[in-house]
Amino acid sequence: MTTMISFEDGERNLDWLGLTEALAAGHRLPRAEIADVFLYRDPDTLLNRSAWIDGLGIAVKAATVFPRNPDKGLPMVGGAVNLFDDATGGLTAIVDFHLVTKWKTAGDSLLAARRLARPDSRRILIVGAGTVAASLHQAYSAAFPQAGFAVWNRSPDKARAFADERGIDFAPDLAEAVAGADIVTCATMSTDPVIHGEWLQPGTHLDLIGAYRPDMREADDDALIRSRVFVDSYATTLGHIGELKIPLEIGTIRREDVIADYYEPDLFRRETDQEITLFKNGGGAHLDLMTARFILDRWQGGEPARD
């Protein structure tokens, strides 16, 4: 019998630190096979993201993007994550798309921060004030409970509303806020860099989430040059997302300057308190699979894998 997991029911069983441990355990298994398929009917899109991890199973995340839906009072994005059994190929569960996306995106960045940010980080800046920013506030609060938060957004009114709702600080000046932060987590839809390397102070951890197309970047060349650079997956970031694709193509950085992905845990670490670390969150389908499996395990009452 196939299990159906809704957003509300599934989220009641989850915690952020448990998810990062499940993601770490998933990366101790063989590297995932991943593939994306896009279908278009202007202006609508169907995206299927698939992953197969030997020993964990198969996930197919189907997403529809219909830009005209908000005019009809309907959500622009819909979808579901289908989980298939590794041994038999049988459909095990259908998990709410938005539930998996929320927890996968913020959990991916949180795992990197637990390995790369200074454990004594006390000032966290969120750049952006949308849905992902809200998830980042939840996730980072779990791993850095003593930290204070601030938020900056291109629209100050939106940032103020975000800050007031969560009882955190509003940052009016981005350069000043970045310079004063131990962790900067950036979730914007920018195609031009909003984070400048000259603002980063020694010991800062920079978490980049928003860019997902070849023409998109959130950090400038100087930020990459000054940082030790890490990614969640070479396969889903280096040749696909402008954050790294552009500087690699023009020679700003070299391939060997990208130190590690999650499949190389011995290299994926901070070495000194003074170094600047930069993480690019690519969010591939293998992370959807690991996250959906974690959700199902919690739904069924089983213990998630521990790091």
Protein backbone atom coordinates (compact mmCIF):
# COMPACT_ATOMS: atom_id res chain seq x y z
CA MET A 1 0.00 0.00 0.00
CA THR A 2 1.38 3.41 -0.98
CA THR A 3 1.76 5.95 1.82
CA MET A 4 0.52 9.51 1.16
CA ILE A 5 2.24 12.20 3.25
CA SER A 6 0.82 15.72 3.33
CA PHE A 7 2.76 18.82 4.29
CA GLU A 8 1.07 19.32 7.66
CA ASP A 9 1.15 15.68 8.73
CA GLY A 10 4.70 15.07 7.56
CA GLU A 11 6.24 18.17 9.11
CA ARG A 12 5.07 17.28 12.62
CA ASN A 13 7.65 14.48 12.76
CA LEU A 14 10.71 16.40 11.57
CA ASP A 15 13.66 18.23 13.08
CA TRP A 16 16.49 20.07 11.36
CA LEU A 17 19.46 18.45 13.07
CA GLY A 18 18.06 14.99 12.40
CA LEU A 19 17.72 15.85 8.74
CA THR A 20 21.36 16.96 8.44
CA GLU A 21 22.44 13.67 9.96
CA ALA A 22 20.28 11.78 7.47
CA LEU A 23 21.83 13.77 4.60
CA ALA A 24 25.31 12.96 5.88
CA ALA A 25 24.41 9.26 6.07
CA GLY A 26 23.02 9.35 2.53
CA HIS A 27 26.36 10.59 1.26
CA ARG A 28 28.12 7.59 2.73
CA LEU A 29 26.23 5.45 0.22
CA PRO A 30 27.34 5.18 -3.44
CA ARG A 31 27.14 8.39 -5.48
CA ALA A 32 23.66 9.00 -6.79
CA GLU A 33 22.66 8.72 -10.42
CA ILE A 34 20.63 11.82 -11.27
CA ALA A 35 18.77 13.15 -14.30
CA ASP A 36 16.46 16.07 -15.07
CA VAL A 37 13.78 16.23 -17.77
CA PHE A 38 12.03 19.47 -18.81
CA LEU A 39 8.87 19.77 -20.87
CA TYR A 40 7.55 23.15 -22.00
CA ARG A 41 4.28 24.66 -23.18
CA ASP A 42 4.85 28.39 -23.15
CA PRO A 43 4.71 29.77 -20.48
CA ASP A 44 4.23 26.54 -18.51
CA THR A 45 6.87 24.01 -17.46
CA LEU A 46 6.97 20.43 -16.24
CA LEU A 47 10.18 19.45 -14.49
CA ASN A 48 11.01 15.88 -13.48
CA ARG A 49 14.07 15.45 -11.28
CA SER A 50 15.10 11.84 -10.69
CA ALA A 51 17.69 10.20 -8.45
CA TRP A 52 18.69 6.61 -7.68
CA ILE A 53 20.95 5.76 -4.76
CA ASP A 54 21.93 2.12 -4.39
CA GLY A 55 20.79 1.06 -0.93
CA LEU A 56 18.34 3.94 -0.45
CA GLY A 57 15.93 3.85 -3.36
CA ILE A 58 14.58 6.00 -6.17
CA ALA A 59 12.87 9.38 -6.15
CA VAL A 60 11.10 11.20 -8.96
CA LYS A 61 10.22 14.77 -8.06
CA ALA A 62 7.66 16.14 -10.51
CA ALA A 63 7.01 19.88 -10.48
CA THR A 64 4.66 21.98 -12.58
CA VAL A 65 5.25 25.72 -12.95
CA PHE A 66 2.23 27.60 -14.33
CA PRO A 67 2.98 31.36 -14.10
CA ARG A 68 -0.62 32.41 -14.89
CA ASN A 69 -2.10 30.46 -11.96
CA PRO A 70 -1.86 33.30 -9.40
CA ASP A 71 -4.23 35.32 -11.60
CA LYS A 72 -6.75 32.53 -11.03
CA GLY A 73 -6.12 32.37 -7.30
CA LEU A 74 -4.13 29.15 -7.69
CA PRO A 75 -0.54 28.27 -6.67
CA MET A 76 2.04 28.79 -9.41
CA VAL A 77 4.02 25.67 -8.44
CA GLY A 78 2.61 22.20 -7.85
CA GLY A 79 4.02 18.72 -7.68
CA ALA A 80 4.79 15.59 -5.72
CA VAL A 81 7.74 13.40 -4.83
CA ASN A 82 7.37 9.73 -5.68
CA LEU A 83 9.51 7.31 -3.67
CA PHE A 84 10.23 3.83 -5.06
CA ASP A 85 11.65 0.84 -3.22
CA ASP A 86 15.30 0.11 -3.98
CA ALA A 87 14.87 -3.67 -4.06
CA THR A 88 11.55 -4.08 -5.90
CA GLY A 89 10.92 -0.75 -7.66
CA GLY A 90 7.48 -0.59 -6.07
CA LEU A 91 5.92 2.79 -5.28
CA THR A 92 6.48 3.26 -1.56
CA ALA A 93 5.23 6.77 -0.87
CA ILE A 94 4.01 10.00 -2.40
CA VAL A 95 5.28 12.98 -0.40
CA ASP A 96 4.12 16.58 -0.63
CA PHE A 97 6.35 18.51 -3.03
CA HIS A 98 6.52 21.67 -0.92
CA LEU A 99 7.40 19.69 2.22
CA VAL A 100 10.38 18.00 0.56
CA THR A 101 11.55 21.21 -1.12
CA LYS A 102 11.41 23.26 2.08
CA TRP A 103 13.34 20.78 4.20
CA LYS A 104 15.80 19.77 1.46
CA THR A 105 16.78 23.34 0.61
CA ALA A 106 17.39 24.64 4.12
CA GLY A 107 18.72 21.30 5.38
CA ASP A 108 21.31 21.21 2.60
CA SER A 109 22.68 24.59 3.68
CA LEU A 110 22.50 23.71 7.36
CA LEU A 111 24.63 20.59 6.91
CA ALA A 112 27.30 22.74 5.25
CA ALA A 113 27.12 25.35 8.01
CA ARG A 114 27.52 22.70 10.71
CA ARG A 115 30.78 21.67 9.03
CA LEU A 116 32.10 25.01 7.76
CA ALA A 117 30.82 27.82 10.00
CA ARG A 118 32.57 28.55 13.27
CA PRO A 119 30.71 26.77 16.09
CA ASP A 120 30.75 30.01 18.12
CA SER A 121 28.95 31.98 15.36
CA ARG A 122 26.63 34.51 17.00
CA ARG A 123 25.51 36.82 14.17
CA ILE A 124 23.57 35.39 11.23
CA LEU A 125 22.43 37.54 8.31
CA ILE A 126 19.64 36.34 6.02
CA VAL A 127 19.73 38.00 2.60
CA GLY A 128 16.24 37.78 1.09
CA ALA A 129 12.87 37.72 2.80
CA GLY A 130 10.87 35.11 0.94
CA THR A 131 9.71 31.58 1.66
CA VAL A 132 13.21 30.09 1.66
CA ALA A 133 14.42 32.79 4.05
CA ALA A 134 11.76 31.73 6.55
CA SER A 135 12.97 28.12 6.36
CA LEU A 136 16.57 29.26 6.81
CA HIS A 137 15.65 31.12 9.98
CA GLN A 138 14.10 27.94 11.38
CA ALA A 139 16.99 25.72 10.32
CA TYR A 140 19.85 27.93 11.49
CA SER A 141 18.07 28.57 14.80
CA ALA A 142 18.20 24.83 15.48
CA ALA A 143 21.98 24.54 15.02
CA PHE A 144 22.98 27.97 16.39
CA PRO A 145 20.48 28.57 19.22
CA GLN A 146 22.54 31.39 20.77
CA ALA A 147 22.83 33.38 17.56
CA GLY A 148 21.05 36.62 16.79
CA PHE A 149 19.54 37.13 13.33
CA ALA A 150 19.14 40.06 10.96
CA VAL A 151 17.48 40.23 7.55
CA TRP A 152 18.12 42.37 4.49
CA ASN A 153 15.98 42.50 1.35
CA ARG A 154 15.89 44.70 -1.76
CA SER A 155 12.45 45.81 -0.59
CA PRO A 156 12.98 47.30 2.89
CA ASP A 157 9.29 47.05 3.74
CA LYS A 158 9.32 43.31 3.12
CA ALA A 159 12.45 42.90 5.23
CA ARG A 160 10.90 44.91 8.09
CA ALA A 161 7.75 42.78 8.00
CA PHE A 162 9.86 39.60 7.98
CA ALA A 163 11.92 40.86 10.92
CA ASP A 164 8.91 42.01 12.94
CA GLU A 165 7.10 38.69 12.47
CA ARG A 166 10.09 36.72 13.79
CA GLY A 167 11.46 39.12 16.35
CA ILE A 168 14.80 39.60 14.60
CA ASP A 169 16.74 42.66 13.45
CA PHE A 170 16.14 44.59 10.24
CA ALA A 171 19.38 45.39 8.38
CA PRO A 172 19.07 48.62 6.37
CA ASP A 173 22.59 48.50 4.88
CA LEU A 174 23.75 45.28 3.23
CA ALA A 175 27.48 46.00 3.21
CA GLU A 176 27.47 46.86 6.90
CA ALA A 177 25.35 43.82 7.77
CA VAL A 178 27.61 41.42 5.84
CA ALA A 179 30.71 42.87 7.49
CA GLY A 180 29.16 42.31 10.91
CA ALA A 181 27.96 38.74 10.33
CA ASP A 182 29.56 35.41 11.23
CA ILE A 183 27.24 33.59 8.81
CA VAL A 184 25.63 35.07 5.69
CA THR A 185 22.92 32.95 4.10
CA CYS A 186 21.69 34.29 0.78
CA ALA A 187 18.43 33.27 -0.92
CA THR A 188 17.59 35.73 -3.68
CA MET A 189 16.58 35.49 -7.33
CA SER A 190 19.40 37.78 -8.43
CA THR A 191 21.26 37.41 -11.72
CA ASP A 192 23.85 40.00 -10.67
CA PRO A 193 25.94 39.54 -7.51
CA VAL A 194 24.50 41.10 -4.36
CA ILE A 195 27.34 39.94 -2.07
CA HIS A 196 30.74 41.57 -2.55
CA GLY A 197 33.87 39.84 -1.36
CA GLU A 198 35.35 43.03 0.04
CA TRP A 199 32.61 43.04 2.69
CA LEU A 200 33.46 39.58 4.06
CA GLN A 201 35.46 39.48 7.27
CA PRO A 202 37.92 36.73 8.31
CA GLY A 203 36.08 33.73 9.70
CA THR A 204 32.80 34.36 7.86
CA HIS A 205 30.79 31.50 6.34
CA LEU A 206 28.88 32.42 3.16
CA ASP A 207 25.94 30.22 2.14
CA LEU A 208 24.63 30.77 -1.41
CA ILE A 209 21.24 29.29 -2.32
CA GLY A 210 19.32 31.42 -4.78
CA ALA A 211 21.16 31.00 -8.10
CA TYR A 212 19.98 27.98 -10.06
CA ARG A 213 20.36 28.98 -13.74
CA PRO A 214 23.55 29.42 -15.79
CA ASP A 215 23.04 33.21 -15.82
CA MET A 216 22.48 33.66 -12.08
CA ARG A 217 24.98 34.72 -9.41
CA GLU A 218 24.65 36.01 -5.84
CA ALA A 219 28.36 36.58 -5.04
CA ASP A 220 31.03 38.40 -7.03
CA ASP A 221 34.43 37.17 -8.17
CA ASP A 222 36.18 38.66 -5.16
CA ALA A 223 34.04 36.57 -2.80
CA LEU A 224 35.11 33.40 -4.59
CA ILE A 225 38.77 34.38 -4.72
CA ARG A 226 38.89 35.17 -0.99
CA SER A 227 37.07 31.99 0.07
CA ARG A 228 37.63 28.28 0.37
CA VAL A 229 34.83 27.00 -1.89
CA PHE A 230 32.61 23.96 -1.31
CA VAL A 231 29.53 22.54 -3.08
CA ASP A 232 26.90 19.95 -2.23
CA SER A 233 27.53 18.12 -5.52
CA TYR A 234 30.01 18.71 -8.33
CA ALA A 235 27.53 17.21 -10.80
CA THR A 236 24.73 19.70 -10.13
CA THR A 237 26.71 22.92 -9.65
CA LEU A 238 29.96 23.32 -11.61
CA GLY A 239 28.61 23.15 -15.14
CA HIS A 240 25.03 24.24 -14.52
CA ILE A 241 24.82 27.22 -12.15
CA GLY A 242 26.29 30.62 -12.95
CA GLU A 243 27.63 31.02 -9.42
CA LEU A 244 30.51 28.71 -10.37
CA LYS A 245 30.03 28.06 -14.09
CA ILE A 246 30.79 31.67 -15.08
CA PRO A 247 33.93 32.20 -12.94
CA LEU A 248 35.26 28.78 -13.99
CA GLU A 249 34.75 29.56 -17.69
CA ILE A 250 36.45 32.96 -17.53
CA GLY A 251 39.30 31.72 -15.36
CA THR A 252 38.51 33.61 -12.16
CA ILE A 253 38.86 30.32 -10.29
CA ARG A 254 40.10 26.88 -11.31
CA ARG A 255 38.37 23.54 -10.90
CA GLU A 256 40.85 22.60 -8.17
CA ASP A 257 39.77 25.67 -6.19
CA VAL A 258 36.48 23.91 -5.47
CA ILE A 259 37.69 21.86 -2.53
CA ALA A 260 35.03 19.23 -1.90
CA ASP A 261 31.43 18.12 -2.18
CA TYR A 262 29.47 16.11 0.38
CA TYR A 263 30.88 12.82 -0.89
CA GLU A 264 34.30 13.89 0.42
CA PRO A 265 33.66 14.42 4.16
CA ASP A 266 37.34 14.35 5.12
CA LEU A 267 37.92 17.45 2.99
CA PHE A 268 34.63 19.17 3.74
CA ARG A 269 35.69 21.14 6.82
CA ARG A 270 36.95 24.46 8.11
CA GLU A 271 40.69 24.49 8.77
CA THR A 272 41.18 27.80 10.62
CA ASP A 273 39.02 30.31 12.48
CA GLN A 274 40.20 33.08 10.15
CA GLU A 275 39.43 31.57 6.75
CA ILE A 276 36.33 32.55 4.78
CA THR A 277 34.26 29.57 3.66
CA LEU A 278 31.78 29.64 0.77
CA PHE A 279 29.15 26.96 0.11
CA LYS A 280 27.05 26.68 -3.06
CA ASN A 281 23.74 24.93 -2.46
CA GLY A 282 22.80 23.24 -5.75
CA GLY A 283 19.97 21.14 -4.36
CA GLY A 284 20.05 18.15 -6.72
CA ALA A 285 17.50 15.35 -6.93
CA HIS A 286 19.67 13.07 -4.77
CA LEU A 287 19.02 15.46 -1.88
CA ASP A 288 15.28 15.28 -2.58
CA LEU A 289 15.59 11.49 -2.32
CA MET A 290 17.49 11.64 0.97
CA THR A 291 15.05 14.17 2.40
CA ALA A 292 11.94 12.29 1.27
CA ARG A 293 13.35 9.08 2.73
CA PHE A 294 13.96 10.88 6.04
CA ILE A 295 10.38 12.17 6.01
CA LEU A 296 9.04 8.68 5.35
CA ASP A 297 11.21 7.15 8.08
CA ARG A 298 9.91 9.66 10.60
CA TRP A 299 6.35 9.15 9.37
CA GLN A 300 6.68 5.42 9.94
CA GLY A 301 8.21 5.96 13.36
CA GLY A 302 11.63 4.62 12.45
CA GLU A 303 14.88 6.25 13.53
CA PRO A 304 16.61 8.29 10.82
CA ALA A 305 20.20 7.48 9.98
CA ARG A 306 22.75 9.12 12.29
CA ASP A 307 26.02 10.77 11.30
